[in-house]
Amino acid sequence: MLVLKKEHRSALKKPFGILYSSVDEAKHSLPQYDILISVGDVTTKNLLESGLIPDIGIIDHKIQRKQSKNNIEYDSVTLNAKNPPGTLTKELWSSIEKALKLVEEELNVLIIVEGEEDLSVLPCILSSPPGTVILYGQPNQGLVVVEADKVRKMTKNIIEEFEEV
């Protein structure tokens, strides 16, 4: 398991991509993509409501650490993973890699995380093939659109700062 060190938390508060105020604004500015990944309950719910179905949705049934009442369902294979707050578990990483293989078979995947899904953006960036776009919420600000290809090296450097336990 990889643990985010306290001194590196601030680096992850800055958006990894372009920040939009809403899903509608982001939807009209999305770059071309082969795979669309959505991280977070609000982001995934808003995408589905806008008619944009993510190839992979990653949720934890929480919104800003409080239980979510959103019922997120769509035609997808469901995977489960445990991932405590502030960590990246092998289980979560494996679920993301399995989800990417299922997407190759033209299936949509919903990963339900027991714990916290916030940091799952990082393994999504590192594991995804070229042409992947990841959307995640920036608390109280909007939606971030990340082209994985553009931030892979930076993400690898961030992961190297995690502590292995």
N, C-alpha and C. Protein backbone atom coordinates (compact mmCIF):
# COMPACT_ATOMS: atom_id res chain seq x y z
N MET A 1 0.85 -1.17 0.00
CA MET A 1 0.00 0.00 0.00
C MET A 1 0.89 1.24 0.00
N LEU A 2 0.48 2.22 -0.77
CA LEU A 2 1.19 3.50 -0.83
C LEU A 2 0.41 4.53 -0.01
N VAL A 3 1.13 5.29 0.80
CA VAL A 3 0.50 6.29 1.66
C VAL A 3 1.01 7.67 1.28
N LEU A 4 0.08 8.59 1.11
CA LEU A 4 0.42 9.98 0.80
C LEU A 4 0.98 10.64 2.05
N LYS A 5 2.19 11.16 1.95
CA LYS A 5 2.80 11.85 3.08
C LYS A 5 2.12 13.21 3.26
N LYS A 6 1.96 13.61 4.52
CA LYS A 6 1.28 14.87 4.82
C LYS A 6 1.91 16.05 4.10
N GLU A 7 3.23 16.07 4.00
CA GLU A 7 3.90 17.22 3.39
C GLU A 7 3.66 17.32 1.87
N HIS A 8 3.08 16.29 1.28
CA HIS A 8 2.83 16.32 -0.17
C HIS A 8 1.36 16.53 -0.52
N ARG A 9 0.52 16.65 0.49
CA ARG A 9 -0.93 16.81 0.23
C ARG A 9 -1.25 18.07 -0.55
N SER A 10 -0.53 19.16 -0.28
CA SER A 10 -0.84 20.42 -0.95
C SER A 10 -0.62 20.33 -2.46
N ALA A 11 0.36 19.52 -2.89
CA ALA A 11 0.62 19.37 -4.33
C ALA A 11 -0.57 18.77 -5.05
N LEU A 12 -1.37 17.98 -4.33
CA LEU A 12 -2.51 17.33 -4.97
C LEU A 12 -3.78 18.18 -4.92
N LYS A 13 -3.72 19.31 -4.29
CA LYS A 13 -4.89 20.20 -4.23
C LYS A 13 -5.02 21.05 -5.49
N LYS A 14 -3.92 21.16 -6.25
CA LYS A 14 -3.96 21.93 -7.49
C LYS A 14 -4.52 21.03 -8.60
N PRO A 15 -5.37 21.57 -9.48
CA PRO A 15 -5.90 20.76 -10.58
C PRO A 15 -4.79 20.21 -11.49
N PHE A 16 -4.94 18.97 -11.92
CA PHE A 16 -3.99 18.32 -12.83
C PHE A 16 -4.27 18.69 -14.28
N GLY A 17 -5.41 19.32 -14.51
CA GLY A 17 -5.81 19.66 -15.87
C GLY A 17 -6.51 20.99 -15.89
N ILE A 18 -7.49 21.11 -16.77
CA ILE A 18 -8.24 22.37 -16.92
C ILE A 18 -9.47 22.31 -16.02
N LEU A 19 -9.67 23.37 -15.24
CA LEU A 19 -10.79 23.47 -14.32
C LEU A 19 -11.96 24.17 -15.01
N TYR A 20 -13.13 23.52 -14.97
CA TYR A 20 -14.36 24.08 -15.53
C TYR A 20 -15.36 24.27 -14.40
N SER A 21 -16.25 25.23 -14.56
CA SER A 21 -17.22 25.50 -13.49
C SER A 21 -18.36 24.50 -13.46
N SER A 22 -18.60 23.79 -14.57
CA SER A 22 -19.71 22.84 -14.61
C SER A 22 -19.43 21.72 -15.61
N VAL A 23 -20.23 20.67 -15.50
CA VAL A 23 -20.13 19.56 -16.45
C VAL A 23 -20.49 20.05 -17.85
N ASP A 24 -21.52 20.89 -17.95
CA ASP A 24 -21.92 21.38 -19.27
C ASP A 24 -20.79 22.14 -19.95
N GLU A 25 -20.11 23.00 -19.20
CA GLU A 25 -18.99 23.75 -19.75
C GLU A 25 -17.88 22.79 -20.19
N ALA A 26 -17.56 21.81 -19.34
CA ALA A 26 -16.50 20.84 -19.65
C ALA A 26 -16.88 19.97 -20.83
N LYS A 27 -18.13 19.56 -20.88
CA LYS A 27 -18.62 18.66 -21.92
C LYS A 27 -18.40 19.25 -23.32
N HIS A 28 -18.59 20.54 -23.43
CA HIS A 28 -18.45 21.20 -24.74
C HIS A 28 -17.00 21.51 -25.09
N SER A 29 -16.10 21.29 -24.12
CA SER A 29 -14.69 21.57 -24.37
C SER A 29 -13.82 20.33 -24.28
N LEU A 30 -14.44 19.15 -24.17
CA LEU A 30 -13.66 17.92 -24.01
C LEU A 30 -12.76 17.68 -25.21
N PRO A 31 -11.50 17.31 -24.92
CA PRO A 31 -10.62 16.92 -26.03
C PRO A 31 -11.07 15.57 -26.57
N GLN A 32 -10.60 15.22 -27.76
CA GLN A 32 -10.88 13.89 -28.31
C GLN A 32 -10.35 12.84 -27.33
N TYR A 33 -11.10 11.77 -27.15
CA TYR A 33 -10.65 10.73 -26.24
C TYR A 33 -11.07 9.36 -26.74
N ASP A 34 -10.31 8.35 -26.32
CA ASP A 34 -10.66 6.96 -26.59
C ASP A 34 -11.34 6.35 -25.37
N ILE A 35 -10.89 6.77 -24.19
CA ILE A 35 -11.47 6.28 -22.94
C ILE A 35 -11.78 7.48 -22.06
N LEU A 36 -12.97 7.46 -21.46
CA LEU A 36 -13.38 8.52 -20.54
C LEU A 36 -13.55 7.91 -19.15
N ILE A 37 -12.82 8.46 -18.18
CA ILE A 37 -12.88 7.98 -16.80
C ILE A 37 -13.42 9.10 -15.92
N SER A 38 -14.35 8.75 -15.06
CA SER A 38 -14.95 9.70 -14.14
C SER A 38 -14.61 9.28 -12.71
N VAL A 39 -14.08 10.21 -11.92
CA VAL A 39 -13.73 9.91 -10.53
C VAL A 39 -14.58 10.80 -9.62
N GLY A 40 -15.33 10.16 -8.73
CA GLY A 40 -16.14 10.89 -7.75
C GLY A 40 -17.62 10.71 -8.00
N ASP A 41 -18.37 10.72 -6.91
CA ASP A 41 -19.82 10.52 -6.99
C ASP A 41 -20.52 11.65 -7.73
N VAL A 42 -20.19 12.89 -7.40
CA VAL A 42 -20.85 14.04 -8.03
C VAL A 42 -20.48 14.10 -9.51
N THR A 43 -19.22 13.92 -9.82
CA THR A 43 -18.77 13.97 -11.21
C THR A 43 -19.47 12.88 -12.03
N THR A 44 -19.48 11.66 -11.52
CA THR A 44 -20.09 10.55 -12.25
C THR A 44 -21.59 10.78 -12.42
N LYS A 45 -22.27 11.19 -11.36
CA LYS A 45 -23.72 11.46 -11.43
C LYS A 45 -24.01 12.56 -12.45
N ASN A 46 -23.25 13.66 -12.39
CA ASN A 46 -23.48 14.78 -13.31
C ASN A 46 -23.20 14.40 -14.75
N LEU A 47 -22.17 13.59 -14.99
CA LEU A 47 -21.90 13.13 -16.36
C LEU A 47 -23.06 12.31 -16.89
N LEU A 48 -23.52 11.36 -16.08
CA LEU A 48 -24.63 10.51 -16.50
C LEU A 48 -25.87 11.35 -16.79
N GLU A 49 -26.16 12.31 -15.93
CA GLU A 49 -27.33 13.17 -16.13
C GLU A 49 -27.20 14.03 -17.38
N SER A 50 -25.96 14.33 -17.78
CA SER A 50 -25.76 15.14 -18.98
C SER A 50 -25.75 14.28 -20.25
N GLY A 51 -25.88 12.97 -20.07
CA GLY A 51 -25.90 12.06 -21.22
C GLY A 51 -24.54 11.56 -21.64
N LEU A 52 -23.52 11.87 -20.87
CA LEU A 52 -22.16 11.42 -21.17
C LEU A 52 -21.83 10.24 -20.26
N ILE A 53 -21.70 9.05 -20.85
CA ILE A 53 -21.48 7.85 -20.06
C ILE A 53 -20.00 7.52 -20.00
N PRO A 54 -19.44 7.52 -18.78
CA PRO A 54 -18.01 7.21 -18.66
C PRO A 54 -17.74 5.73 -18.94
N ASP A 55 -16.60 5.47 -19.56
CA ASP A 55 -16.19 4.08 -19.75
C ASP A 55 -15.92 3.45 -18.39
N ILE A 56 -15.32 4.24 -17.50
CA ILE A 56 -15.05 3.81 -16.13
C ILE A 56 -15.50 4.92 -15.20
N GLY A 57 -16.31 4.56 -14.23
CA GLY A 57 -16.70 5.48 -13.17
C GLY A 57 -16.15 4.94 -11.87
N ILE A 58 -15.58 5.81 -11.04
CA ILE A 58 -15.03 5.38 -9.75
C ILE A 58 -15.71 6.22 -8.67
N ILE A 59 -16.43 5.54 -7.76
CA ILE A 59 -17.19 6.24 -6.72
C ILE A 59 -16.92 5.59 -5.36
N ASP A 60 -17.26 6.32 -4.29
CA ASP A 60 -17.13 5.76 -2.95
C ASP A 60 -18.38 6.00 -2.09
N HIS A 61 -19.46 6.42 -2.73
CA HIS A 61 -20.72 6.72 -2.05
C HIS A 61 -20.56 7.83 -1.00
N LYS A 62 -19.61 8.73 -1.26
CA LYS A 62 -19.41 9.87 -0.36
C LYS A 62 -19.21 11.13 -1.20
N ILE A 63 -19.60 12.26 -0.60
CA ILE A 63 -19.35 13.57 -1.19
C ILE A 63 -18.69 14.41 -0.11
N GLN A 64 -17.45 14.81 -0.36
CA GLN A 64 -16.64 15.55 0.61
C GLN A 64 -16.70 14.87 1.98
N ARG A 65 -16.45 13.58 1.95
CA ARG A 65 -16.33 12.70 3.13
C ARG A 65 -17.63 12.46 3.89
N LYS A 66 -18.75 12.92 3.35
CA LYS A 66 -20.06 12.64 3.95
C LYS A 66 -20.81 11.66 3.05
N GLN A 67 -21.61 10.79 3.67
CA GLN A 67 -22.35 9.78 2.93
C GLN A 67 -23.20 10.43 1.84
N SER A 68 -23.16 9.86 0.64
CA SER A 68 -23.93 10.37 -0.49
C SER A 68 -25.25 9.63 -0.61
N LYS A 69 -26.28 10.37 -0.96
CA LYS A 69 -27.59 9.74 -1.18
C LYS A 69 -27.81 9.45 -2.67
N ASN A 70 -26.82 9.78 -3.50
CA ASN A 70 -26.93 9.54 -4.94
C ASN A 70 -26.93 8.05 -5.21
N ASN A 71 -27.83 7.63 -6.09
CA ASN A 71 -27.85 6.24 -6.51
C ASN A 71 -27.29 6.21 -7.93
N ILE A 72 -26.02 5.85 -8.04
CA ILE A 72 -25.36 5.88 -9.33
C ILE A 72 -25.39 4.48 -9.94
N GLU A 73 -26.14 4.38 -11.02
CA GLU A 73 -26.23 3.11 -11.74
C GLU A 73 -26.27 3.39 -13.23
N TYR A 74 -25.59 2.56 -13.97
CA TYR A 74 -25.69 2.59 -15.41
C TYR A 74 -25.27 1.23 -15.93
N ASP A 75 -25.46 0.99 -17.21
CA ASP A 75 -25.15 -0.31 -17.79
C ASP A 75 -23.64 -0.53 -17.71
N SER A 76 -23.23 -1.23 -16.66
CA SER A 76 -21.80 -1.40 -16.43
C SER A 76 -21.53 -2.66 -15.61
N VAL A 77 -20.30 -3.11 -15.69
CA VAL A 77 -19.81 -4.17 -14.83
C VAL A 77 -19.38 -3.48 -13.54
N THR A 78 -19.70 -4.06 -12.39
CA THR A 78 -19.31 -3.46 -11.12
C THR A 78 -18.12 -4.20 -10.52
N LEU A 79 -17.11 -3.43 -10.15
CA LEU A 79 -15.95 -3.96 -9.43
C LEU A 79 -15.91 -3.26 -8.07
N ASN A 80 -15.34 -3.95 -7.08
CA ASN A 80 -15.22 -3.37 -5.75
C ASN A 80 -13.76 -3.35 -5.33
N ALA A 81 -13.39 -2.34 -4.55
CA ALA A 81 -12.02 -2.25 -4.06
C ALA A 81 -12.02 -1.52 -2.72
N LYS A 82 -11.12 -1.96 -1.85
CA LYS A 82 -10.92 -1.27 -0.58
C LYS A 82 -9.74 -0.32 -0.74
N ASN A 83 -9.91 0.90 -0.22
CA ASN A 83 -8.84 1.89 -0.32
C ASN A 83 -9.04 2.93 0.78
N PRO A 84 -8.32 2.80 1.91
CA PRO A 84 -8.47 3.78 2.99
C PRO A 84 -8.08 5.19 2.54
N PRO A 85 -8.61 6.22 3.22
CA PRO A 85 -8.26 7.60 2.89
C PRO A 85 -6.75 7.83 2.90
N GLY A 86 -6.28 8.64 1.95
CA GLY A 86 -4.87 9.01 1.89
C GLY A 86 -3.94 7.91 1.41
N THR A 87 -4.52 6.86 0.81
CA THR A 87 -3.71 5.72 0.37
C THR A 87 -4.06 5.31 -1.05
N LEU A 88 -3.19 4.47 -1.60
CA LEU A 88 -3.46 3.76 -2.85
C LEU A 88 -3.13 2.30 -2.59
N THR A 89 -4.16 1.47 -2.58
CA THR A 89 -3.96 0.04 -2.33
C THR A 89 -3.71 -0.71 -3.63
N LYS A 90 -3.07 -1.86 -3.51
CA LYS A 90 -2.89 -2.73 -4.68
C LYS A 90 -4.25 -3.16 -5.21
N GLU A 91 -5.22 -3.33 -4.30
CA GLU A 91 -6.57 -3.74 -4.70
C GLU A 91 -7.23 -2.69 -5.61
N LEU A 92 -7.10 -1.42 -5.25
CA LEU A 92 -7.66 -0.36 -6.09
C LEU A 92 -6.94 -0.32 -7.43
N TRP A 93 -5.63 -0.36 -7.39
CA TRP A 93 -4.83 -0.31 -8.62
C TRP A 93 -5.22 -1.48 -9.53
N SER A 94 -5.35 -2.68 -8.97
CA SER A 94 -5.74 -3.86 -9.76
C SER A 94 -7.13 -3.71 -10.35
N SER A 95 -8.05 -3.13 -9.58
CA SER A 95 -9.41 -2.91 -10.09
C SER A 95 -9.41 -1.96 -11.28
N ILE A 96 -8.58 -0.92 -11.21
CA ILE A 96 -8.48 0.03 -12.32
C ILE A 96 -7.91 -0.68 -13.55
N GLU A 97 -6.86 -1.47 -13.36
CA GLU A 97 -6.27 -2.19 -14.49
C GLU A 97 -7.25 -3.21 -15.08
N LYS A 98 -8.01 -3.89 -14.22
CA LYS A 98 -9.03 -4.83 -14.71
C LYS A 98 -10.12 -4.07 -15.48
N ALA A 99 -10.52 -2.92 -14.95
CA ALA A 99 -11.53 -2.10 -15.62
C ALA A 99 -11.07 -1.69 -17.02
N LEU A 100 -9.81 -1.31 -17.14
CA LEU A 100 -9.28 -0.91 -18.45
C LEU A 100 -9.30 -2.07 -19.44
N LYS A 101 -9.05 -3.28 -18.96
CA LYS A 101 -9.14 -4.48 -19.84
C LYS A 101 -10.59 -4.72 -20.27
N LEU A 102 -11.54 -4.52 -19.34
CA LEU A 102 -12.96 -4.70 -19.67
C LEU A 102 -13.42 -3.65 -20.69
N VAL A 103 -12.88 -2.44 -20.59
CA VAL A 103 -13.22 -1.38 -21.55
C VAL A 103 -12.75 -1.79 -22.95
N GLU A 104 -11.61 -2.48 -23.03
CA GLU A 104 -11.14 -2.98 -24.33
C GLU A 104 -12.15 -3.95 -24.94
N GLU A 105 -12.93 -4.62 -24.09
CA GLU A 105 -13.98 -5.54 -24.55
C GLU A 105 -15.30 -4.80 -24.76
N GLU A 106 -15.24 -3.47 -24.76
CA GLU A 106 -16.39 -2.60 -24.98
C GLU A 106 -17.43 -2.68 -23.89
N LEU A 107 -16.97 -2.86 -22.65
CA LEU A 107 -17.86 -2.84 -21.49
C LEU A 107 -17.58 -1.57 -20.69
N ASN A 108 -18.62 -1.04 -20.08
CA ASN A 108 -18.45 0.06 -19.13
C ASN A 108 -18.24 -0.55 -17.76
N VAL A 109 -17.51 0.14 -16.90
CA VAL A 109 -17.19 -0.38 -15.57
C VAL A 109 -17.44 0.68 -14.52
N LEU A 110 -18.07 0.25 -13.42
CA LEU A 110 -18.24 1.11 -12.25
C LEU A 110 -17.45 0.48 -11.11
N ILE A 111 -16.46 1.21 -10.60
CA ILE A 111 -15.68 0.72 -9.46
C ILE A 111 -16.22 1.40 -8.21
N ILE A 112 -16.66 0.57 -7.26
CA ILE A 112 -17.15 1.10 -5.99
C ILE A 112 -16.06 0.89 -4.95
N VAL A 113 -15.60 1.99 -4.40
CA VAL A 113 -14.49 1.95 -3.45
C VAL A 113 -15.03 2.01 -2.03
N GLU A 114 -14.57 1.07 -1.24
CA GLU A 114 -14.86 1.11 0.20
C GLU A 114 -13.69 1.87 0.82
N GLY A 115 -13.97 3.05 1.31
CA GLY A 115 -12.92 3.91 1.83
C GLY A 115 -13.00 5.25 1.12
N GLU A 116 -12.00 5.54 0.29
CA GLU A 116 -11.96 6.82 -0.41
C GLU A 116 -11.37 6.67 -1.81
N GLU A 117 -12.03 7.31 -2.79
CA GLU A 117 -11.59 7.19 -4.18
C GLU A 117 -10.78 8.37 -4.67
N ASP A 118 -10.58 9.38 -3.85
CA ASP A 118 -9.94 10.63 -4.28
C ASP A 118 -8.62 10.44 -5.04
N LEU A 119 -7.74 9.63 -4.52
CA LEU A 119 -6.41 9.47 -5.13
C LEU A 119 -6.40 8.52 -6.33
N SER A 120 -7.54 7.92 -6.64
CA SER A 120 -7.58 6.97 -7.77
C SER A 120 -7.28 7.63 -9.11
N VAL A 121 -7.35 8.95 -9.16
CA VAL A 121 -6.96 9.66 -10.38
C VAL A 121 -5.52 9.29 -10.76
N LEU A 122 -4.65 9.14 -9.77
CA LEU A 122 -3.23 8.87 -10.03
C LEU A 122 -3.01 7.53 -10.73
N PRO A 123 -3.51 6.40 -10.21
CA PRO A 123 -3.33 5.15 -10.95
C PRO A 123 -4.08 5.13 -12.28
N CYS A 124 -5.16 5.89 -12.38
CA CYS A 124 -5.86 5.99 -13.68
C CYS A 124 -4.94 6.62 -14.71
N ILE A 125 -4.25 7.68 -14.32
CA ILE A 125 -3.34 8.37 -15.24
C ILE A 125 -2.21 7.43 -15.65
N LEU A 126 -1.63 6.73 -14.68
CA LEU A 126 -0.46 5.90 -14.96
C LEU A 126 -0.80 4.60 -15.68
N SER A 127 -2.00 4.07 -15.48
CA SER A 127 -2.36 2.77 -16.06
C SER A 127 -3.08 2.88 -17.40
N SER A 128 -3.63 4.03 -17.70
CA SER A 128 -4.48 4.16 -18.89
C SER A 128 -3.67 4.28 -20.18
N PRO A 129 -4.28 3.81 -21.27
CA PRO A 129 -3.61 3.93 -22.56
C PRO A 129 -3.68 5.36 -23.10
N PRO A 130 -2.88 5.64 -24.14
CA PRO A 130 -2.96 6.97 -24.77
C PRO A 130 -4.40 7.28 -25.18
N GLY A 131 -4.75 8.55 -25.12
CA GLY A 131 -6.09 8.97 -25.52
C GLY A 131 -7.12 8.88 -24.41
N THR A 132 -6.66 8.76 -23.16
CA THR A 132 -7.58 8.69 -22.02
C THR A 132 -7.77 10.08 -21.43
N VAL A 133 -9.02 10.41 -21.14
CA VAL A 133 -9.37 11.65 -20.47
C VAL A 133 -10.04 11.29 -19.16
N ILE A 134 -9.61 11.96 -18.09
CA ILE A 134 -10.14 11.70 -16.76
C ILE A 134 -10.80 12.98 -16.25
N LEU A 135 -11.99 12.82 -15.69
CA LEU A 135 -12.71 13.95 -15.11
C LEU A 135 -12.87 13.69 -13.62
N TYR A 136 -12.60 14.72 -12.81
CA TYR A 136 -12.81 14.60 -11.37
C TYR A 136 -13.21 15.95 -10.81
N GLY A 137 -13.85 15.92 -9.66
CA GLY A 137 -14.31 17.15 -9.04
C GLY A 137 -13.21 17.84 -8.26
N GLN A 138 -13.20 19.16 -8.34
CA GLN A 138 -12.32 19.99 -7.52
C GLN A 138 -13.25 20.62 -6.49
N PRO A 139 -13.17 20.19 -5.22
CA PRO A 139 -14.15 20.61 -4.21
C PRO A 139 -14.42 22.11 -4.20
N ASN A 140 -15.71 22.42 -4.26
CA ASN A 140 -16.23 23.79 -4.21
C ASN A 140 -15.76 24.68 -5.35
N GLN A 141 -15.20 24.07 -6.43
CA GLN A 141 -14.72 24.88 -7.54
C GLN A 141 -15.27 24.44 -8.89
N GLY A 142 -15.40 23.14 -9.10
CA GLY A 142 -15.89 22.68 -10.38
C GLY A 142 -15.34 21.32 -10.76
N LEU A 143 -15.10 21.16 -12.04
CA LEU A 143 -14.73 19.88 -12.62
C LEU A 143 -13.39 20.03 -13.35
N VAL A 144 -12.49 19.07 -13.11
CA VAL A 144 -11.18 19.09 -13.76
C VAL A 144 -11.16 18.06 -14.88
N VAL A 145 -10.67 18.47 -16.04
CA VAL A 145 -10.52 17.59 -17.19
C VAL A 145 -9.03 17.38 -17.41
N VAL A 146 -8.61 16.12 -17.33
CA VAL A 146 -7.19 15.77 -17.43
C VAL A 146 -6.94 14.87 -18.63
N GLU A 147 -6.02 15.25 -19.48
CA GLU A 147 -5.56 14.36 -20.54
C GLU A 147 -4.39 13.58 -19.95
N ALA A 148 -4.61 12.28 -19.73
CA ALA A 148 -3.62 11.45 -19.04
C ALA A 148 -2.23 11.54 -19.67
N ASP A 149 -2.18 11.58 -20.99
CA ASP A 149 -0.89 11.62 -21.69
C ASP A 149 -0.05 12.83 -21.27
N LYS A 150 -0.71 13.94 -20.98
CA LYS A 150 0.00 15.19 -20.69
C LYS A 150 0.55 15.27 -19.27
N VAL A 151 0.07 14.42 -18.37
CA VAL A 151 0.49 14.53 -16.96
C VAL A 151 1.09 13.23 -16.41
N ARG A 152 1.39 12.29 -17.30
CA ARG A 152 1.91 10.99 -16.85
C ARG A 152 3.24 11.13 -16.09
N LYS A 153 4.17 11.90 -16.65
CA LYS A 153 5.49 12.03 -16.02
C LYS A 153 5.36 12.72 -14.65
N MET A 154 4.60 13.78 -14.58
CA MET A 154 4.38 14.49 -13.32
C MET A 154 3.74 13.55 -12.28
N THR A 155 2.78 12.76 -12.73
CA THR A 155 2.09 11.83 -11.83
C THR A 155 3.04 10.76 -11.32
N LYS A 156 3.90 10.26 -12.18
CA LYS A 156 4.89 9.27 -11.77
C LYS A 156 5.79 9.86 -10.68
N ASN A 157 6.19 11.11 -10.84
CA ASN A 157 7.02 11.78 -9.84
C ASN A 157 6.29 11.93 -8.50
N ILE A 158 5.00 12.22 -8.57
CA ILE A 158 4.20 12.36 -7.34
C ILE A 158 4.10 11.00 -6.62
N ILE A 159 3.82 9.96 -7.38
CA ILE A 159 3.69 8.62 -6.80
C ILE A 159 4.99 8.20 -6.11
N GLU A 160 6.11 8.58 -6.70
CA GLU A 160 7.41 8.23 -6.10
C GLU A 160 7.61 8.88 -4.74
N GLU A 161 6.85 9.92 -4.44
CA GLU A 161 6.95 10.58 -3.13
C GLU A 161 6.07 9.92 -2.07
N PHE A 162 5.21 8.98 -2.47
CA PHE A 162 4.38 8.26 -1.51
C PHE A 162 5.26 7.33 -0.70
N GLU A 163 4.79 6.98 0.48
CA GLU A 163 5.52 6.05 1.34
C GLU A 163 4.91 4.66 1.18
N GLU A 164 5.77 3.67 0.96
CA GLU A 164 5.27 2.30 0.84
C GLU A 164 5.21 1.66 2.22
N VAL A 165 4.05 1.12 2.58
CA VAL A 165 3.89 0.44 3.88
C VAL A 165 3.35 -0.97 3.71
